[in-house]
């Protein structure tokens, strides 16, 4: 549950407006003449932060559904094996 809220906060704060931390670099894309890679990496990392939050949100939902199935005793329950066997 903490992972879901963290990803939600990242997406809400990061995409809240034009000057937010994810939207601003992507909307103002420019390549500096002084450095060969400096600003370009900033834009890539801003976009990756949003993609990472979305994919981790999907992963946390899958963990939540697996745990719910284990609690309810649904078919396909994970069987915990002792260490070393």
N, C-alpha and C. Protein backbone atom coordinates (compact mmCIF):
# COMPACT_ATOMS: atom_id res chain seq x y z
N UNK A 1 0.82 -1.20 0.00
CA UNK A 1 0.00 0.00 0.00
C UNK A 1 0.87 1.26 0.00
N UNK A 2 2.02 1.21 0.66
CA UNK A 2 2.90 2.38 0.67
C UNK A 2 3.48 2.65 -0.71
N UNK A 3 3.75 1.59 -1.46
CA UNK A 3 4.26 1.77 -2.82
C UNK A 3 3.24 2.42 -3.73
N UNK A 4 1.97 2.05 -3.58
CA UNK A 4 0.92 2.65 -4.40
C UNK A 4 0.79 4.14 -4.11
N UNK A 5 0.83 4.50 -2.84
CA UNK A 5 0.72 5.92 -2.50
C UNK A 5 1.95 6.71 -2.96
N UNK A 6 3.13 6.09 -2.87
CA UNK A 6 4.34 6.77 -3.33
C UNK A 6 4.29 7.04 -4.82
N UNK A 7 3.90 6.03 -5.61
CA UNK A 7 3.79 6.23 -7.06
C UNK A 7 2.72 7.26 -7.39
N UNK A 8 1.63 7.24 -6.66
CA UNK A 8 0.58 8.23 -6.89
C UNK A 8 1.06 9.64 -6.62
N UNK A 9 1.81 9.82 -5.54
CA UNK A 9 2.35 11.14 -5.21
C UNK A 9 3.34 11.60 -6.26
N UNK A 10 4.20 10.70 -6.73
CA UNK A 10 5.17 11.05 -7.78
C UNK A 10 4.45 11.53 -9.03
N UNK A 11 3.40 10.82 -9.43
CA UNK A 11 2.67 11.21 -10.64
C UNK A 11 1.89 12.50 -10.45
N UNK A 12 1.26 12.67 -9.30
CA UNK A 12 0.47 13.88 -9.07
C UNK A 12 1.36 15.11 -8.95
N UNK A 13 2.40 15.03 -8.14
CA UNK A 13 3.29 16.18 -7.97
C UNK A 13 4.11 16.43 -9.24
N UNK A 14 4.56 15.37 -9.88
CA UNK A 14 5.41 15.51 -11.06
C UNK A 14 4.69 16.00 -12.29
N UNK A 15 3.38 15.82 -12.37
CA UNK A 15 2.63 16.24 -13.55
C UNK A 15 1.52 17.22 -13.20
N UNK A 16 1.70 18.00 -12.16
CA UNK A 16 0.65 18.88 -11.66
C UNK A 16 0.40 20.10 -12.55
N UNK A 17 1.38 20.58 -13.24
CA UNK A 17 1.21 21.77 -14.08
C UNK A 17 2.36 21.90 -15.06
N UNK A 18 2.39 23.03 -15.75
CA UNK A 18 3.44 23.23 -16.76
C UNK A 18 4.83 23.35 -16.15
N UNK A 19 4.94 23.83 -14.92
CA UNK A 19 6.24 24.01 -14.28
C UNK A 19 6.60 22.87 -13.33
N UNK A 20 5.89 21.75 -13.39
CA UNK A 20 6.18 20.63 -12.50
C UNK A 20 7.45 19.91 -12.94
N UNK A 21 7.95 19.05 -12.07
CA UNK A 21 9.27 18.46 -12.26
C UNK A 21 9.36 17.50 -13.46
N UNK A 22 8.26 16.88 -13.86
CA UNK A 22 8.28 15.99 -15.02
C UNK A 22 7.87 16.75 -16.29
N UNK A 23 6.85 17.56 -16.21
CA UNK A 23 6.34 18.25 -17.40
C UNK A 23 7.27 19.33 -17.92
N UNK A 24 7.90 20.09 -17.05
CA UNK A 24 8.71 21.23 -17.46
C UNK A 24 9.86 20.85 -18.40
N UNK A 25 10.70 19.88 -18.07
CA UNK A 25 11.79 19.54 -18.99
C UNK A 25 11.30 18.96 -20.31
N UNK A 26 10.21 18.22 -20.28
CA UNK A 26 9.72 17.60 -21.52
C UNK A 26 9.07 18.66 -22.43
N UNK A 27 8.33 19.60 -21.86
CA UNK A 27 7.68 20.63 -22.66
C UNK A 27 8.67 21.66 -23.20
N UNK A 28 9.78 21.89 -22.50
CA UNK A 28 10.79 22.86 -22.92
C UNK A 28 12.04 22.17 -23.43
N UNK A 29 11.87 21.20 -24.27
CA UNK A 29 13.01 20.40 -24.76
C UNK A 29 13.94 21.25 -25.60
N UNK A 30 15.21 21.27 -25.21
CA UNK A 30 16.21 22.00 -25.98
C UNK A 30 17.55 21.31 -25.79
N UNK A 31 18.39 21.43 -26.76
CA UNK A 31 19.73 20.84 -26.68
C UNK A 31 20.73 21.98 -26.65
N UNK A 32 21.54 22.00 -25.62
CA UNK A 32 22.52 23.06 -25.44
C UNK A 32 23.68 22.88 -26.40
N UNK A 33 24.24 23.98 -26.87
CA UNK A 33 25.40 23.95 -27.75
C UNK A 33 26.70 23.75 -26.96
N UNK A 34 26.66 24.03 -25.65
CA UNK A 34 27.90 24.00 -24.86
C UNK A 34 28.27 22.60 -24.41
N UNK A 35 27.31 21.76 -24.18
CA UNK A 35 27.60 20.42 -23.69
C UNK A 35 27.01 19.39 -24.65
N UNK A 36 27.70 18.29 -24.79
CA UNK A 36 27.23 17.29 -25.75
C UNK A 36 26.11 16.44 -25.18
N UNK A 37 26.05 16.27 -23.86
CA UNK A 37 25.05 15.36 -23.30
C UNK A 37 24.34 15.92 -22.07
N UNK A 38 24.79 17.01 -21.50
CA UNK A 38 24.30 17.52 -20.22
C UNK A 38 22.80 17.66 -20.09
N UNK A 39 22.18 18.53 -20.87
CA UNK A 39 20.76 18.79 -20.74
C UNK A 39 19.92 17.65 -21.28
N UNK A 40 20.41 16.97 -22.29
CA UNK A 40 19.65 15.88 -22.89
C UNK A 40 19.36 14.79 -21.86
N UNK A 41 20.31 14.49 -20.98
CA UNK A 41 20.11 13.48 -19.94
C UNK A 41 19.05 13.95 -18.96
N UNK A 42 19.00 15.24 -18.68
CA UNK A 42 17.98 15.79 -17.78
C UNK A 42 16.59 15.52 -18.34
N UNK A 43 16.39 15.71 -19.62
CA UNK A 43 15.09 15.48 -20.23
C UNK A 43 14.73 14.00 -20.23
N UNK A 44 15.72 13.15 -20.50
CA UNK A 44 15.47 11.71 -20.48
C UNK A 44 15.11 11.24 -19.08
N UNK A 45 15.80 11.73 -18.07
CA UNK A 45 15.52 11.32 -16.70
C UNK A 45 14.15 11.79 -16.23
N UNK A 46 13.73 12.96 -16.65
CA UNK A 46 12.40 13.46 -16.28
C UNK A 46 11.32 12.56 -16.88
N UNK A 47 11.48 12.19 -18.13
CA UNK A 47 10.52 11.28 -18.76
C UNK A 47 10.55 9.90 -18.13
N UNK A 48 11.75 9.44 -17.80
CA UNK A 48 11.88 8.12 -17.18
C UNK A 48 11.23 8.07 -15.81
N UNK A 49 11.24 9.16 -15.08
CA UNK A 49 10.62 9.19 -13.75
C UNK A 49 9.13 8.90 -13.85
N UNK A 50 8.45 9.47 -14.84
CA UNK A 50 7.03 9.20 -15.04
C UNK A 50 6.78 7.77 -15.47
N UNK A 51 7.59 7.26 -16.40
CA UNK A 51 7.44 5.87 -16.86
C UNK A 51 7.70 4.90 -15.71
N UNK A 52 8.72 5.18 -14.92
CA UNK A 52 9.05 4.33 -13.78
C UNK A 52 7.91 4.29 -12.77
N UNK A 53 7.31 5.44 -12.49
CA UNK A 53 6.20 5.50 -11.52
C UNK A 53 5.01 4.68 -12.03
N UNK A 54 4.71 4.76 -13.32
CA UNK A 54 3.59 4.01 -13.87
C UNK A 54 3.85 2.51 -13.82
N UNK A 55 5.05 2.08 -14.22
CA UNK A 55 5.34 0.64 -14.21
C UNK A 55 5.41 0.08 -12.80
N UNK A 56 5.94 0.85 -11.86
CA UNK A 56 5.96 0.38 -10.47
C UNK A 56 4.55 0.34 -9.88
N UNK A 57 3.68 1.25 -10.30
CA UNK A 57 2.29 1.22 -9.86
C UNK A 57 1.64 -0.08 -10.30
N UNK A 58 1.88 -0.49 -11.54
CA UNK A 58 1.34 -1.77 -12.05
C UNK A 58 1.89 -2.93 -11.24
N UNK A 59 3.18 -2.90 -10.93
CA UNK A 59 3.80 -3.97 -10.15
C UNK A 59 3.21 -4.05 -8.74
N UNK A 60 3.00 -2.92 -8.10
CA UNK A 60 2.44 -2.92 -6.75
C UNK A 60 0.99 -3.40 -6.74
N UNK A 61 0.24 -3.07 -7.78
CA UNK A 61 -1.14 -3.58 -7.87
C UNK A 61 -1.13 -5.10 -8.02
N UNK A 62 -0.18 -5.63 -8.80
CA UNK A 62 -0.11 -7.09 -8.95
C UNK A 62 0.25 -7.76 -7.62
N UNK A 63 1.18 -7.16 -6.85
CA UNK A 63 1.50 -7.69 -5.53
C UNK A 63 0.27 -7.66 -4.61
N UNK A 64 -0.48 -6.58 -4.68
CA UNK A 64 -1.68 -6.45 -3.85
C UNK A 64 -2.71 -7.51 -4.21
N UNK A 65 -2.89 -7.77 -5.50
CA UNK A 65 -3.85 -8.79 -5.92
C UNK A 65 -3.39 -10.20 -5.54
N UNK A 66 -2.09 -10.46 -5.65
CA UNK A 66 -1.57 -11.77 -5.19
C UNK A 66 -1.80 -11.96 -3.70
N UNK A 67 -1.53 -10.92 -2.91
CA UNK A 67 -1.73 -11.01 -1.46
C UNK A 67 -3.20 -11.20 -1.13
N UNK A 68 -4.08 -10.52 -1.84
CA UNK A 68 -5.52 -10.67 -1.61
C UNK A 68 -5.97 -12.09 -1.94
N UNK A 69 -5.44 -12.67 -3.01
CA UNK A 69 -5.79 -14.05 -3.37
C UNK A 69 -5.27 -15.02 -2.31
N UNK A 70 -4.09 -14.76 -1.77
CA UNK A 70 -3.56 -15.61 -0.70
C UNK A 70 -4.43 -15.54 0.55
N UNK A 71 -4.87 -14.35 0.91
CA UNK A 71 -5.70 -14.18 2.11
C UNK A 71 -7.04 -14.88 1.93
N UNK A 72 -7.62 -14.75 0.76
CA UNK A 72 -8.95 -15.33 0.49
C UNK A 72 -8.89 -16.82 0.20
N UNK A 73 -7.70 -17.38 0.00
CA UNK A 73 -7.58 -18.80 -0.28
C UNK A 73 -7.99 -19.18 -1.70
N UNK A 74 -7.80 -18.28 -2.63
CA UNK A 74 -8.14 -18.53 -4.03
C UNK A 74 -7.18 -19.55 -4.64
N UNK A 75 -7.60 -20.19 -5.74
CA UNK A 75 -6.69 -21.12 -6.43
C UNK A 75 -5.45 -20.38 -6.92
N UNK A 76 -4.34 -21.10 -6.95
CA UNK A 76 -3.08 -20.50 -7.36
C UNK A 76 -2.33 -19.85 -6.23
N UNK A 77 -2.68 -20.20 -5.02
CA UNK A 77 -2.04 -19.64 -3.84
C UNK A 77 -0.55 -19.98 -3.85
N UNK A 78 0.26 -19.04 -3.45
CA UNK A 78 1.71 -19.29 -3.37
C UNK A 78 2.01 -20.17 -2.18
N UNK A 79 2.85 -21.16 -2.38
CA UNK A 79 3.23 -22.08 -1.32
C UNK A 79 4.63 -21.72 -0.85
N UNK A 80 4.75 -21.42 0.41
CA UNK A 80 6.04 -21.05 0.96
C UNK A 80 6.82 -22.30 1.30
N UNK A 81 8.03 -22.42 0.74
CA UNK A 81 8.86 -23.58 1.00
C UNK A 81 9.95 -23.20 1.99
N UNK A 82 10.32 -24.14 2.87
CA UNK A 82 11.40 -23.84 3.81
C UNK A 82 12.71 -23.60 3.07
N UNK A 83 13.56 -22.77 3.64
CA UNK A 83 14.84 -22.46 3.03
C UNK A 83 15.72 -23.71 3.07
N UNK A 84 16.38 -23.99 1.93
CA UNK A 84 17.30 -25.12 1.87
C UNK A 84 16.67 -26.38 1.31
N UNK A 85 15.42 -26.36 0.91
CA UNK A 85 14.80 -27.55 0.35
C UNK A 85 14.53 -27.38 -1.11
